């Protein structure tokens, strides 16, 4: 029990951060991404309590010739995480997630973390947001994380 109580996560790996101004909580999982870690993060966020859940999902890099297949695979998994109401897809590969995501989710497509930051400003509620930021490090979503918590 003491070990669990004193656990400190590695930065960028399902790290919970408060958003300034009472806007809610961000789950910083922007260190890396693969299909299984992406699905695990989405399922974990799905179980958390929040009136508005947003997932910012970036490209999963270095997946080889089946990269679009794996992105679509993550998109199909979203049927099991319907409490997430907003998706912001960052990058060309992540775009493959949108067409197979549930119709109940609002999907936005952006090219980079700066555009994702602008999009979040447009869709975040004044308070009580839960924002998952997940993608391969090469997408630069760590910059988005820094901007959101500053």
C-alpha atoms as a PDB file:
ATOM      1  CA  UNK A   1       0.000   0.000   0.000  1.00  0.00           C
ATOM      2  CA  UNK A   2       2.809   2.427   0.830  1.00  0.00           C
ATOM      3  CA  UNK A   3       4.358   1.791  -2.576  1.00  0.00           C
ATOM      4  CA  UNK A   4       1.113   2.562  -4.387  1.00  0.00           C
ATOM      5  CA  UNK A   5       0.491   5.663  -2.271  1.00  0.00           C
ATOM      6  CA  UNK A   6       3.944   7.020  -3.056  1.00  0.00           C
ATOM      7  CA  UNK A   7       3.882   6.138  -6.765  1.00  0.00           C
ATOM      8  CA  UNK A   8       5.113   8.927  -9.026  1.00  0.00           C
ATOM      9  CA  UNK A   9       4.450   8.314 -12.729  1.00  0.00           C
ATOM     10  CA  UNK A  10       7.071   8.851 -15.379  1.00  0.00           C
ATOM     11  CA  UNK A  11       6.490  12.147 -17.149  1.00  0.00           C
ATOM     12  CA  UNK A  12       4.399  11.679 -20.259  1.00  0.00           C
ATOM     13  CA  UNK A  13       3.062   8.261 -19.287  1.00  0.00           C
ATOM     14  CA  UNK A  14      -0.529   8.543 -18.067  1.00  0.00           C
ATOM     15  CA  UNK A  15       0.448  11.486 -15.899  1.00  0.00           C
ATOM     16  CA  UNK A  16      -2.497  13.390 -14.412  1.00  0.00           C
ATOM     17  CA  UNK A  17      -2.127  17.179 -14.546  1.00  0.00           C
ATOM     18  CA  UNK A  18      -4.508  19.896 -13.408  1.00  0.00           C
ATOM     19  CA  UNK A  19      -5.568  22.366 -16.057  1.00  0.00           C
ATOM     20  CA  UNK A  20      -5.306  26.000 -14.904  1.00  0.00           C
ATOM     21  CA  UNK A  21      -8.393  27.967 -14.000  1.00  0.00           C
ATOM     22  CA  UNK A  22     -10.371  24.928 -12.864  1.00  0.00           C
ATOM     23  CA  UNK A  23     -10.782  23.758 -16.449  1.00  0.00           C
ATOM     24  CA  UNK A  24     -10.298  20.133 -15.403  1.00  0.00           C
ATOM     25  CA  UNK A  25      -7.683  17.432 -15.694  1.00  0.00           C
ATOM     26  CA  UNK A  26      -5.344  16.412 -18.458  1.00  0.00           C
ATOM     27  CA  UNK A  27      -3.938  12.919 -18.880  1.00  0.00           C
ATOM     28  CA  UNK A  28      -0.481  13.407 -20.349  1.00  0.00           C
ATOM     29  CA  UNK A  29       0.348  10.220 -22.235  1.00  0.00           C
ATOM     30  CA  UNK A  30       2.302  11.955 -24.993  1.00  0.00           C
ATOM     31  CA  UNK A  31       5.589  10.103 -24.502  1.00  0.00           C
ATOM     32  CA  UNK A  32       4.899   7.350 -27.015  1.00  0.00           C
ATOM     33  CA  UNK A  33       2.096   5.446 -28.701  1.00  0.00           C
ATOM     34  CA  UNK A  34       1.348   2.115 -30.230  1.00  0.00           C
ATOM     35  CA  UNK A  35      -2.026   0.490 -30.905  1.00  0.00           C
ATOM     36  CA  UNK A  36      -2.216  -1.316 -27.562  1.00  0.00           C
ATOM     37  CA  UNK A  37      -1.105   1.642 -25.436  1.00  0.00           C
ATOM     38  CA  UNK A  38      -3.531   3.906 -27.322  1.00  0.00           C
ATOM     39  CA  UNK A  39      -6.440   1.527 -26.671  1.00  0.00           C
ATOM     40  CA  UNK A  40      -5.459   1.110 -23.006  1.00  0.00           C
ATOM     41  CA  UNK A  41      -5.342   4.885 -22.477  1.00  0.00           C
ATOM     42  CA  UNK A  42      -8.739   5.349 -24.144  1.00  0.00           C
ATOM     43  CA  UNK A  43     -10.318   2.627 -22.006  1.00  0.00           C
ATOM     44  CA  UNK A  44      -8.819   4.084 -18.826  1.00  0.00           C
ATOM     45  CA  UNK A  45     -10.151   7.570 -19.638  1.00  0.00           C
ATOM     46  CA  UNK A  46     -13.541   6.050 -20.448  1.00  0.00           C
ATOM     47  CA  UNK A  47     -13.771   4.742 -16.847  1.00  0.00           C
ATOM     48  CA  UNK A  48     -12.888   8.105 -15.279  1.00  0.00           C
ATOM     49  CA  UNK A  49     -15.570  10.542 -14.107  1.00  0.00           C
ATOM     50  CA  UNK A  50     -15.976  13.805 -16.003  1.00  0.00           C
ATOM     51  CA  UNK A  51     -18.862  15.568 -17.738  1.00  0.00           C
ATOM     52  CA  UNK A  52     -16.745  16.280 -20.850  1.00  0.00           C
ATOM     53  CA  UNK A  53     -14.076  13.913 -22.142  1.00  0.00           C
ATOM     54  CA  UNK A  54     -11.812  14.880 -25.013  1.00  0.00           C
ATOM     55  CA  UNK A  55      -9.159  12.692 -26.626  1.00  0.00           C
ATOM     56  CA  UNK A  56      -6.323  14.331 -28.547  1.00  0.00           C
ATOM     57  CA  UNK A  57      -4.787  11.485 -30.520  1.00  0.00           C
ATOM     58  CA  UNK A  58      -1.661  11.923 -32.590  1.00  0.00           C
ATOM     59  CA  UNK A  59      -0.014   9.753 -35.181  1.00  0.00           C
ATOM     60  CA  UNK A  60       1.412   6.434 -34.027  1.00  0.00           C
ATOM     61  CA  UNK A  61       4.746   6.396 -35.798  1.00  0.00           C
ATOM     62  CA  UNK A  62       7.023   3.533 -36.838  1.00  0.00           C
ATOM     63  CA  UNK A  63       4.263   0.980 -37.437  1.00  0.00           C
ATOM     64  CA  UNK A  64       5.547  -0.086 -40.829  1.00  0.00           C
ATOM     65  CA  UNK A  65       3.479  -0.926 -43.882  1.00  0.00           C
ATOM     66  CA  UNK A  66       0.294  -1.553 -41.862  1.00  0.00           C
ATOM     67  CA  UNK A  67       0.253   1.890 -40.248  1.00  0.00           C
ATOM     68  CA  UNK A  68      -3.180   2.849 -41.620  1.00  0.00           C
ATOM     69  CA  UNK A  69      -4.620  -0.511 -40.575  1.00  0.00           C
ATOM     70  CA  UNK A  70      -3.470   0.055 -36.978  1.00  0.00           C
ATOM     71  CA  UNK A  71      -4.879   3.574 -36.863  1.00  0.00           C
ATOM     72  CA  UNK A  72      -8.244   2.314 -38.131  1.00  0.00           C
ATOM     73  CA  UNK A  73      -8.044  -0.477 -35.545  1.00  0.00           C
ATOM     74  CA  UNK A  74      -7.819   2.149 -32.782  1.00  0.00           C
ATOM     75  CA  UNK A  75     -10.762   3.982 -34.356  1.00  0.00           C
ATOM     76  CA  UNK A  76     -12.907   0.859 -34.264  1.00  0.00           C
ATOM     77  CA  UNK A  77     -12.036   0.371 -30.591  1.00  0.00           C
ATOM     78  CA  UNK A  78     -13.654   3.738 -29.797  1.00  0.00           C
ATOM     79  CA  UNK A  79     -17.067   2.053 -29.931  1.00  0.00           C
ATOM     80  CA  UNK A  80     -16.180   0.758 -26.445  1.00  0.00           C
ATOM     81  CA  UNK A  81     -15.265   4.208 -25.124  1.00  0.00           C
ATOM     82  CA  UNK A  82     -18.369   6.220 -25.988  1.00  0.00           C
ATOM     83  CA  UNK A  83     -18.130   8.447 -22.918  1.00  0.00           C
ATOM     84  CA  UNK A  84     -15.439  10.319 -24.869  1.00  0.00           C
ATOM     85  CA  UNK A  85     -17.409  12.950 -26.749  1.00  0.00           C
ATOM     86  CA  UNK A  86     -14.699  14.816 -28.656  1.00  0.00           C
ATOM     87  CA  UNK A  87     -11.762  13.616 -30.753  1.00  0.00           C
ATOM     88  CA  UNK A  88      -8.981  15.845 -32.009  1.00  0.00           C
ATOM     89  CA  UNK A  89      -6.852  13.860 -34.456  1.00  0.00           C
ATOM     90  CA  UNK A  90      -3.364  15.236 -35.021  1.00  0.00           C
ATOM     91  CA  UNK A  91      -1.397  14.307 -38.138  1.00  0.00           C
ATOM     92  CA  UNK A  92      -1.927  12.473 -41.405  1.00  0.00           C
ATOM     93  CA  UNK A  93      -1.930   8.936 -39.997  1.00  0.00           C
ATOM     94  CA  UNK A  94      -4.366   9.790 -37.192  1.00  0.00           C
ATOM     95  CA  UNK A  95      -6.886  10.895 -39.809  1.00  0.00           C
ATOM     96  CA  UNK A  96      -7.579   7.196 -40.448  1.00  0.00           C
ATOM     97  CA  UNK A  97      -9.167   6.966 -36.978  1.00  0.00           C
ATOM     98  CA  UNK A  98     -11.998   9.404 -37.725  1.00  0.00           C
ATOM     99  CA  UNK A  99     -13.995   7.556 -40.400  1.00  0.00           C
ATOM    100  CA  UNK A 100     -14.383   4.465 -38.186  1.00  0.00           C
ATOM    101  CA  UNK A 101     -15.038   6.328 -34.919  1.00  0.00           C
ATOM    102  CA  UNK A 102     -18.605   6.226 -33.547  1.00  0.00           C
ATOM    103  CA  UNK A 103     -20.958   8.819 -35.023  1.00  0.00           C
ATOM    104  CA  UNK A 104     -21.638  10.030 -31.455  1.00  0.00           C
ATOM    105  CA  UNK A 105     -18.144  11.531 -31.271  1.00  0.00           C
ATOM    106  CA  UNK A 106     -17.351  14.971 -32.652  1.00  0.00           C
ATOM    107  CA  UNK A 107     -14.179  14.562 -34.710  1.00  0.00           C
ATOM    108  CA  UNK A 108     -11.735  17.344 -35.627  1.00  0.00           C
ATOM    109  CA  UNK A 109      -8.707  16.942 -37.865  1.00  0.00           C
ATOM    110  CA  UNK A 110      -5.589  19.079 -37.428  1.00  0.00           C
ATOM    111  CA  UNK A 111      -2.064  18.906 -38.802  1.00  0.00           C
ATOM    112  CA  UNK A 112       0.031  19.792 -35.738  1.00  0.00           C
ATOM    113  CA  UNK A 113       0.007  20.460 -32.008  1.00  0.00           C
ATOM    114  CA  UNK A 114      -0.484  24.209 -32.485  1.00  0.00           C
ATOM    115  CA  UNK A 115      -3.721  23.628 -34.377  1.00  0.00           C
ATOM    116  CA  UNK A 116      -4.751  21.076 -31.727  1.00  0.00           C
ATOM    117  CA  UNK A 117      -4.249  23.758 -29.061  1.00  0.00           C
ATOM    118  CA  UNK A 118      -6.467  26.162 -30.971  1.00  0.00           C
ATOM    119  CA  UNK A 119      -9.118  23.466 -31.486  1.00  0.00           C
ATOM    120  CA  UNK A 120      -9.126  22.619 -27.767  1.00  0.00           C
ATOM    121  CA  UNK A 121      -9.730  26.281 -26.987  1.00  0.00           C
ATOM    122  CA  UNK A 122     -12.844  26.097 -29.126  1.00  0.00           C
ATOM    123  CA  UNK A 123     -14.293  22.864 -27.668  1.00  0.00           C
ATOM    124  CA  UNK A 124     -13.281  22.790 -24.009  1.00  0.00           C
ATOM    125  CA  UNK A 125     -16.029  23.596 -21.528  1.00  0.00           C
ATOM    126  CA  UNK A 126     -15.330  26.364 -18.989  1.00  0.00           C
ATOM    127  CA  UNK A 127     -14.639  23.684 -16.345  1.00  0.00           C
ATOM    128  CA  UNK A 128     -14.553  19.965 -15.603  1.00  0.00           C
ATOM    129  CA  UNK A 129     -12.889  18.737 -18.790  1.00  0.00           C
ATOM    130  CA  UNK A 130     -10.929  15.510 -18.943  1.00  0.00           C
ATOM    131  CA  UNK A 131      -8.414  15.701 -21.780  1.00  0.00           C
ATOM    132  CA  UNK A 132      -6.318  12.739 -22.909  1.00  0.00           C
ATOM    133  CA  UNK A 133      -3.233  13.676 -24.935  1.00  0.00           C
ATOM    134  CA  UNK A 134      -1.730  10.577 -26.591  1.00  0.00           C
ATOM    135  CA  UNK A 135       0.584  10.140 -29.555  1.00  0.00           C
ATOM    136  CA  UNK A 136       4.102   9.278 -30.626  1.00  0.00           C
ATOM    137  CA  UNK A 137       6.757  11.643 -29.351  1.00  0.00           C
ATOM    138  CA  UNK A 138       7.664  12.664 -32.901  1.00  0.00           C
ATOM    139  CA  UNK A 139       4.259  14.357 -33.288  1.00  0.00           C
ATOM    140  CA  UNK A 140       5.240  16.933 -30.649  1.00  0.00           C
ATOM    141  CA  UNK A 141       2.184  16.630 -28.429  1.00  0.00           C
ATOM    142  CA  UNK A 142       4.469  17.199 -25.438  1.00  0.00           C
ATOM    143  CA  UNK A 143       4.473  20.840 -26.598  1.00  0.00           C
ATOM    144  CA  UNK A 144       0.680  20.841 -26.408  1.00  0.00           C
ATOM    145  CA  UNK A 145       0.863  19.465 -22.874  1.00  0.00           C
ATOM    146  CA  UNK A 146       3.253  22.232 -21.804  1.00  0.00           C
ATOM    147  CA  UNK A 147       1.007  24.879 -23.350  1.00  0.00           C
ATOM    148  CA  UNK A 148      -2.131  23.502 -21.672  1.00  0.00           C
ATOM    149  CA  UNK A 149      -0.686  23.416 -18.157  1.00  0.00           C
ATOM    150  CA  UNK A 150       1.016  26.819 -18.331  1.00  0.00           C
END
